[in-house]
């Protein structure tokens, strides 16, 4: 006789919030595969059903996740099944209290966050830590991202025109194809390197009052405290700052470049930088919530993979800064590039990076746990 698995799930309090969708067994087990990452508690206020890294009972934990997911399926369509259990989507990170060395670690509940304007925000299940931040894009942000896409399209059209002229002048098809492939490859890796350097900078230096990039610095610190919030952020809301920063360089390249290969390199590099935050978001999103094409590209390391980027979200956040392809991460980390850069900055300014000092934005920490 099949046991009533739904009875294994404690009755939820009436104030739990509405799900975007039910959590599936694939979510639980798939997130468990994140390399070196502790899992989020499948339930808020359900103490025994959680996973801890380096658990001495991995099979028991896996069975608990399976029973949990099956119990949710039995509850589907009921009032209880429609209430969301606390799942930190896409982060794969269990928030735990660190007790004295040698003591057992225990899971701690995280304060449920809702949007102050939930009806307006729609899918915003988490209120961002940064005051005034919203997860949905405004009309000007959408216009800016659309303009960036149009500018990229214009650049590709001009590349095509220059290639046609080069072919008419006697250029070999094979040589031109190889040169184009090399330009795309170098452009993507330059974008990966550039996002890594910028990510290192805003992670480790400055504050919310820093001119020009202060809001980005604060946002990245908020992302460290609650990394799952990015999975609820609208595409244009997520990408408009990098699009705004990249557009002048792309426009200049299209006006000045006369070589199709140089222009193709510029278009690829600017596209990678402009939309790096979308790639960043996908590296935090569960496989079951990503398009199969994105999963395929991540599996083949064309885009930065989940396992690669989630290594960055281990304190003190000192590795894996690159968020386009992720190919530059082992090169920069193993060579000590960022350590040398931090030492140079400390010698010139006397300021040590946050990954060394361990400092955090305390007001963001208070908002998170308050």
Protein backbone atom coordinates (compact mmCIF):
# COMPACT_ATOMS: atom_id res chain seq x y z
CA UNK A 1 0.00 0.00 0.00
CA UNK A 2 1.39 3.42 -0.97
CA UNK A 3 1.86 5.64 2.11
CA UNK A 4 0.30 9.06 2.25
CA UNK A 5 3.40 11.12 1.50
CA UNK A 6 1.44 14.33 1.85
CA UNK A 7 1.03 13.53 5.52
CA UNK A 8 4.82 13.75 5.91
CA UNK A 9 4.68 17.47 5.21
CA UNK A 10 3.73 19.59 8.22
CA UNK A 11 0.76 21.89 7.73
CA UNK A 12 1.93 25.30 6.58
CA UNK A 13 1.00 28.53 8.30
CA UNK A 14 -1.57 30.62 6.45
CA UNK A 15 0.80 33.53 5.88
CA UNK A 16 3.15 31.77 3.46
CA UNK A 17 3.24 33.42 0.09
CA UNK A 18 2.05 32.52 -3.39
CA UNK A 19 4.49 30.55 -5.55
CA UNK A 20 5.64 31.33 -9.03
CA UNK A 21 5.34 27.58 -9.52
CA UNK A 22 5.58 24.47 -7.37
CA UNK A 23 9.05 23.27 -6.51
CA UNK A 24 9.77 20.05 -8.40
CA UNK A 25 11.80 17.01 -7.45
CA UNK A 26 14.19 17.99 -10.23
CA UNK A 27 14.80 21.33 -8.53
CA UNK A 28 15.75 19.68 -5.25
CA UNK A 29 17.96 16.98 -6.68
CA UNK A 30 19.37 19.19 -9.48
CA UNK A 31 20.38 21.92 -7.08
CA UNK A 32 22.05 19.28 -4.92
CA UNK A 33 24.57 18.71 -7.69
CA UNK A 34 25.97 22.24 -7.45
CA UNK A 35 29.62 21.61 -6.74
CA UNK A 36 30.65 22.43 -3.20
CA UNK A 37 27.45 24.29 -2.50
CA UNK A 38 25.26 23.77 0.54
CA UNK A 39 21.59 23.65 -0.30
CA UNK A 40 18.84 25.92 0.77
CA UNK A 41 16.31 24.61 3.20
CA UNK A 42 13.42 23.18 1.21
CA UNK A 43 11.04 24.57 3.79
CA UNK A 44 10.85 27.54 6.04
CA UNK A 45 10.05 26.40 9.58
CA UNK A 46 10.61 22.73 8.75
CA UNK A 47 13.83 22.08 10.62
CA UNK A 48 14.68 18.44 9.87
CA UNK A 49 14.23 18.68 6.12
CA UNK A 50 17.35 20.53 5.12
CA UNK A 51 20.72 19.66 3.69
CA UNK A 52 24.17 20.52 4.99
CA UNK A 53 27.39 20.36 3.05
CA UNK A 54 29.67 17.43 3.82
CA UNK A 55 26.79 15.60 5.49
CA UNK A 56 27.68 12.15 6.85
CA UNK A 57 24.32 10.88 5.56
CA UNK A 58 24.03 11.92 1.90
CA UNK A 59 21.55 9.16 1.01
CA UNK A 60 19.28 10.13 3.88
CA UNK A 61 19.37 13.75 2.75
CA UNK A 62 18.58 12.77 -0.83
CA UNK A 63 15.67 10.64 0.35
CA UNK A 64 14.36 13.57 2.39
CA UNK A 65 14.43 15.80 -0.66
CA UNK A 66 12.63 13.16 -2.72
CA UNK A 67 9.91 12.66 -0.14
CA UNK A 68 9.52 16.41 0.16
CA UNK A 69 9.04 16.87 -3.58
CA UNK A 70 6.65 13.93 -3.83
CA UNK A 71 4.65 15.30 -0.95
CA UNK A 72 4.36 18.63 -2.75
CA UNK A 73 3.02 16.89 -5.85
CA UNK A 74 0.30 15.24 -3.76
CA UNK A 75 -0.62 18.64 -2.40
CA UNK A 76 -0.78 20.22 -5.87
CA UNK A 77 -4.12 21.84 -6.54
CA UNK A 78 -5.00 22.11 -2.84
CA UNK A 79 -4.90 25.24 -0.77
CA UNK A 80 -1.75 24.04 0.97
CA UNK A 81 -0.11 23.05 -2.27
CA UNK A 82 -0.58 26.55 -3.61
CA UNK A 83 1.34 28.08 -0.75
CA UNK A 84 5.00 28.56 -1.47
CA UNK A 85 7.51 26.90 0.83
CA UNK A 86 10.58 29.01 1.35
CA UNK A 87 12.91 28.22 -1.55
CA UNK A 88 15.83 30.46 -2.43
CA UNK A 89 15.51 30.09 -6.18
CA UNK A 90 18.69 29.63 -8.20
CA UNK A 91 21.18 30.42 -5.48
CA UNK A 92 21.80 26.91 -4.20
CA UNK A 93 23.00 28.40 -0.96
CA UNK A 94 21.93 27.50 2.57
CA UNK A 95 22.02 30.41 4.97
CA UNK A 96 23.46 29.00 8.16
CA UNK A 97 24.63 30.37 11.43
CA UNK A 98 28.29 29.76 12.06
CA UNK A 99 28.77 28.38 15.55
CA UNK A 100 32.01 27.69 17.40
CA UNK A 101 34.59 25.52 15.72
CA UNK A 102 33.90 21.83 16.12
CA UNK A 103 30.20 22.40 16.79
CA UNK A 104 27.43 21.29 14.47
CA UNK A 105 26.06 23.80 12.00
CA UNK A 106 22.37 24.50 12.04
CA UNK A 107 20.12 26.05 9.45
CA UNK A 108 18.57 29.40 10.26
CA UNK A 109 15.41 30.75 8.71
CA UNK A 110 15.65 33.79 6.50
CA UNK A 111 13.15 36.56 6.82
CA UNK A 112 10.57 36.30 4.08
CA UNK A 113 10.72 39.27 1.75
CA UNK A 114 7.89 40.60 -0.33
CA UNK A 115 7.73 43.56 -2.63
CA UNK A 116 6.26 46.75 -1.21
CA UNK A 117 4.28 47.02 -4.42
CA UNK A 118 3.62 43.35 -5.09
CA UNK A 119 0.75 44.02 -7.49
CA UNK A 120 2.92 46.36 -9.54
CA UNK A 121 5.98 44.15 -9.46
CA UNK A 122 4.19 40.91 -10.27
CA UNK A 123 6.98 38.34 -10.02
CA UNK A 124 9.00 40.20 -7.37
CA UNK A 125 8.88 37.74 -4.49
CA UNK A 126 11.86 39.32 -2.75
CA UNK A 127 12.18 42.94 -1.77
CA UNK A 128 15.69 44.03 -2.75
CA UNK A 129 17.95 44.98 0.13
CA UNK A 130 18.90 48.28 -1.51
CA UNK A 131 16.37 50.96 -0.69
CA UNK A 132 14.45 52.20 -3.73
CA UNK A 133 15.55 49.31 -5.92
CA UNK A 134 12.91 47.64 -8.07
CA UNK A 135 12.99 44.36 -9.95
CA UNK A 136 10.83 45.38 -12.90
CA UNK A 137 12.19 47.57 -15.70
CA UNK A 138 10.90 51.08 -16.28
CA UNK A 139 9.98 52.32 -19.80
CA UNK A 140 13.23 54.34 -20.15
CA UNK A 141 15.25 51.26 -19.24
CA UNK A 142 13.45 49.22 -21.88
CA UNK A 143 14.08 51.93 -24.49
CA UNK A 144 17.78 52.02 -23.58
CA UNK A 145 18.20 48.26 -23.93
CA UNK A 146 16.27 48.29 -27.23
CA UNK A 147 18.60 51.02 -28.50
CA UNK A 148 21.61 48.89 -27.53
CA UNK A 149 20.20 45.92 -29.44
CA UNK A 150 19.57 48.13 -32.46
CA UNK A 151 23.12 49.46 -32.28
CA UNK A 152 24.51 45.92 -32.16
CA UNK A 153 22.40 44.98 -35.17
CA UNK A 154 23.69 48.03 -37.06
CA UNK A 155 27.23 47.00 -36.22
CA UNK A 156 26.69 43.49 -37.59
CA UNK A 157 25.18 44.93 -40.77
CA UNK A 158 28.23 47.12 -41.23
CA UNK A 159 30.49 44.11 -40.62
CA UNK A 160 28.64 42.30 -43.39
CA UNK A 161 29.16 45.23 -45.75
CA UNK A 162 32.87 45.40 -44.99
CA UNK A 163 33.24 41.65 -45.48
CA UNK A 164 31.49 41.88 -48.85
CA UNK A 165 33.88 44.61 -49.90
CA UNK A 166 36.86 42.54 -48.73
CA UNK A 167 35.59 39.50 -50.66
CA UNK A 168 35.14 41.60 -53.80
CA UNK A 169 38.72 42.80 -53.42
CA UNK A 170 39.96 39.21 -53.60
CA UNK A 171 39.86 38.02 -50.01
CA UNK A 172 39.86 34.25 -49.54
CA UNK A 173 36.71 32.71 -48.03
CA UNK A 174 38.64 30.38 -45.71
CA UNK A 175 40.97 33.09 -44.44
CA UNK A 176 38.06 35.47 -43.85
CA UNK A 177 36.08 32.80 -42.00
CA UNK A 178 39.02 32.00 -39.73
CA UNK A 179 39.61 35.69 -39.07
CA UNK A 180 35.93 36.23 -38.19
CA UNK A 181 35.91 33.24 -35.82
CA UNK A 182 39.07 34.52 -34.14
CA UNK A 183 37.55 38.00 -33.78
CA UNK A 184 34.44 36.58 -32.11
CA UNK A 185 36.51 34.41 -29.76
CA UNK A 186 38.81 37.24 -28.75
CA UNK A 187 35.87 39.60 -28.30
CA UNK A 188 34.07 37.16 -25.99
CA UNK A 189 37.19 36.56 -23.90
CA UNK A 190 37.90 40.27 -23.69
CA UNK A 191 34.35 40.77 -22.39
CA UNK A 192 34.90 37.98 -19.85
CA UNK A 193 38.13 39.61 -18.68
CA UNK A 194 36.55 43.07 -18.55
CA UNK A 195 33.59 41.91 -16.46
CA UNK A 196 36.00 40.15 -14.12
CA UNK A 197 38.05 43.29 -13.49
CA UNK A 198 34.93 45.41 -13.01
CA UNK A 199 33.35 42.81 -10.74
CA UNK A 200 36.52 42.68 -8.63
CA UNK A 201 36.53 46.46 -8.37
CA UNK A 202 32.93 46.96 -7.24
CA UNK A 203 33.08 43.95 -4.92
CA UNK A 204 36.12 45.19 -3.04
CA UNK A 205 36.28 48.99 -3.16
CA UNK A 206 34.06 52.02 -2.72
CA UNK A 207 30.64 52.54 -1.16
CA UNK A 208 27.14 53.62 -2.07
CA UNK A 209 28.35 57.25 -2.10
CA UNK A 210 31.12 56.61 -4.66
CA UNK A 211 30.56 58.86 -7.70
CA UNK A 212 29.09 57.28 -10.85
CA UNK A 213 29.32 53.61 -9.75
CA UNK A 214 28.09 53.91 -6.16
CA UNK A 215 24.72 52.33 -6.94
CA UNK A 216 26.46 49.40 -8.64
CA UNK A 217 28.75 48.88 -5.66
CA UNK A 218 25.79 48.83 -3.30
CA UNK A 219 23.86 46.50 -5.61
CA UNK A 220 26.72 44.00 -5.78
CA UNK A 221 27.01 43.97 -2.00
CA UNK A 222 23.28 43.38 -1.78
CA UNK A 223 23.74 40.55 -4.28
CA UNK A 224 26.28 38.90 -1.98
CA UNK A 225 23.81 39.04 0.89
CA UNK A 226 20.81 37.80 -1.11
CA UNK A 227 22.09 36.37 -4.42
CA UNK A 228 18.77 34.75 -5.37
CA UNK A 229 17.08 38.13 -5.86
CA UNK A 230 18.73 38.48 -9.29
CA UNK A 231 16.67 35.54 -10.56
CA UNK A 232 13.52 37.67 -10.16
CA UNK A 233 14.99 40.75 -11.86
CA UNK A 234 13.57 41.84 -15.21
CA UNK A 235 15.92 41.52 -18.22
CA UNK A 236 16.00 45.22 -19.07
CA UNK A 237 16.20 46.24 -15.42
CA UNK A 238 19.18 43.91 -15.04
CA UNK A 239 21.07 44.97 -18.17
CA UNK A 240 20.43 48.68 -18.65
CA UNK A 241 23.46 49.93 -16.57
CA UNK A 242 25.95 47.90 -18.60
CA UNK A 243 24.18 48.82 -21.85
CA UNK A 244 24.45 52.50 -20.93
CA UNK A 245 28.16 52.15 -20.15
CA UNK A 246 28.91 50.22 -23.35
CA UNK A 247 26.92 52.18 -25.96
CA UNK A 248 29.43 55.06 -26.43
CA UNK A 249 32.29 52.65 -27.13
CA UNK A 250 30.23 50.61 -29.58
CA UNK A 251 29.05 53.73 -31.39
CA UNK A 252 32.63 55.00 -31.66
CA UNK A 253 33.78 51.62 -33.00
CA UNK A 254 31.10 51.57 -35.67
CA UNK A 255 32.00 55.09 -36.78
CA UNK A 256 35.77 54.67 -36.81
CA UNK A 257 36.55 51.02 -37.58
CA UNK A 258 37.37 50.24 -41.19
CA UNK A 259 38.38 46.62 -40.67
CA UNK A 260 35.51 44.10 -40.55
CA UNK A 261 37.44 41.93 -38.10
CA UNK A 262 38.17 44.77 -35.69
CA UNK A 263 34.54 45.85 -35.81
CA UNK A 264 33.32 42.28 -35.29
CA UNK A 265 35.62 42.03 -32.26
CA UNK A 266 34.17 45.29 -30.89
CA UNK A 267 30.57 44.22 -31.47
CA UNK A 268 31.17 40.86 -29.75
CA UNK A 269 32.99 42.42 -26.80
CA UNK A 270 30.37 45.12 -26.32
CA UNK A 271 27.53 42.61 -26.57
CA UNK A 272 29.15 40.40 -23.92
CA UNK A 273 29.69 43.30 -21.54
CA UNK A 274 26.29 44.87 -22.19
CA UNK A 275 24.37 41.69 -21.40
CA UNK A 276 26.74 40.12 -18.87
CA UNK A 277 24.15 40.58 -16.13
CA UNK A 278 21.71 38.36 -18.03
CA UNK A 279 24.40 35.66 -18.18
CA UNK A 280 25.03 36.30 -14.50
CA UNK A 281 21.34 35.81 -13.74
CA UNK A 282 21.22 32.51 -15.66
CA UNK A 283 24.21 31.24 -13.65
CA UNK A 284 22.03 31.62 -10.53
CA UNK A 285 18.87 30.15 -12.06
CA UNK A 286 17.92 26.50 -11.68
CA UNK A 287 18.17 24.34 -14.80
CA UNK A 288 14.44 23.68 -14.69
CA UNK A 289 13.79 27.44 -14.89
CA UNK A 290 16.21 28.14 -17.77
CA UNK A 291 15.59 27.67 -21.47
CA UNK A 292 17.13 24.40 -22.77
CA UNK A 293 19.37 26.40 -25.14
CA UNK A 294 20.85 28.30 -22.17
CA UNK A 295 21.44 25.02 -20.32
CA UNK A 296 23.10 23.55 -23.43
CA UNK A 297 25.43 26.55 -23.78
CA UNK A 298 26.32 26.45 -20.07
CA UNK A 299 27.01 22.71 -20.18
CA UNK A 300 29.47 23.31 -23.02
CA UNK A 301 31.07 26.28 -21.26
CA UNK A 302 30.08 28.72 -23.99
CA UNK A 303 28.38 30.74 -21.24
CA UNK A 304 29.50 30.92 -17.63
CA UNK A 305 28.20 27.80 -15.88
CA UNK A 306 26.40 27.57 -12.55
CA UNK A 307 29.11 25.51 -10.86
CA UNK A 308 31.77 27.99 -11.98
CA UNK A 309 30.01 31.12 -10.76
CA UNK A 310 28.62 29.66 -7.53
CA UNK A 311 32.22 29.22 -6.36
CA UNK A 312 32.40 33.00 -6.24
CA UNK A 313 29.62 33.08 -3.65
CA UNK A 314 31.78 31.60 -0.92
CA UNK A 315 33.19 34.11 1.49
CA UNK A 316 35.41 36.03 1.16
CA UNK A 317 34.33 36.35 -2.53
CA UNK A 318 37.89 36.40 -3.85
CA UNK A 319 37.71 34.18 -6.96
CA UNK A 320 35.68 33.56 -10.14
CA UNK A 321 34.80 37.18 -10.88
CA UNK A 322 34.33 36.75 -14.66
CA UNK A 323 30.69 36.29 -15.69
CA UNK A 324 30.53 36.04 -19.51
CA UNK A 325 32.15 32.74 -20.51
CA UNK A 326 34.04 32.03 -17.29
CA UNK A 327 37.09 30.94 -19.33
CA UNK A 328 39.28 33.66 -17.83
CA UNK A 329 38.56 32.67 -14.22
CA UNK A 330 41.16 29.89 -13.88
CA UNK A 331 43.74 31.98 -15.72
CA UNK A 332 43.28 35.05 -13.52
CA UNK A 333 42.84 33.14 -10.25
CA UNK A 334 45.75 30.72 -10.65
CA UNK A 335 48.09 33.45 -11.86
CA UNK A 336 47.26 35.61 -8.83
CA UNK A 337 46.21 38.50 -11.08
CA UNK A 338 43.72 39.95 -8.60
CA UNK A 339 46.06 39.49 -5.63
CA UNK A 340 48.74 41.45 -7.46
CA UNK A 341 46.20 44.10 -8.45
CA UNK A 342 44.96 44.38 -4.85
CA UNK A 343 48.53 44.68 -3.55
CA UNK A 344 49.27 47.44 -6.08
CA UNK A 345 46.13 49.36 -5.09
CA UNK A 346 46.98 48.95 -1.40
CA UNK A 347 50.50 50.27 -2.02
CA UNK A 348 49.21 53.31 -3.91
CA UNK A 349 46.18 54.16 -1.78
CA UNK A 350 46.53 52.28 1.49
CA UNK A 351 43.12 50.66 0.93
CA UNK A 352 42.82 46.90 1.27
CA UNK A 353 40.09 44.99 -0.59
CA UNK A 354 36.98 43.72 1.18
CA UNK A 355 37.94 40.14 0.34
CA UNK A 356 40.92 40.64 2.72
CA UNK A 357 39.28 42.72 5.42
CA UNK A 358 36.00 40.79 5.44
CA UNK A 359 34.03 44.03 5.78
CA UNK A 360 30.37 44.14 4.77
CA UNK A 361 27.71 46.79 4.35
CA UNK A 362 26.24 46.46 7.83
CA UNK A 363 23.00 48.24 6.99
CA UNK A 364 22.33 45.65 4.29
CA UNK A 365 23.05 42.84 6.75
CA UNK A 366 20.62 44.42 9.24
CA UNK A 367 17.89 44.70 6.61
CA UNK A 368 18.40 41.08 5.68
CA UNK A 369 18.15 39.63 9.18
CA UNK A 370 15.89 42.29 10.67
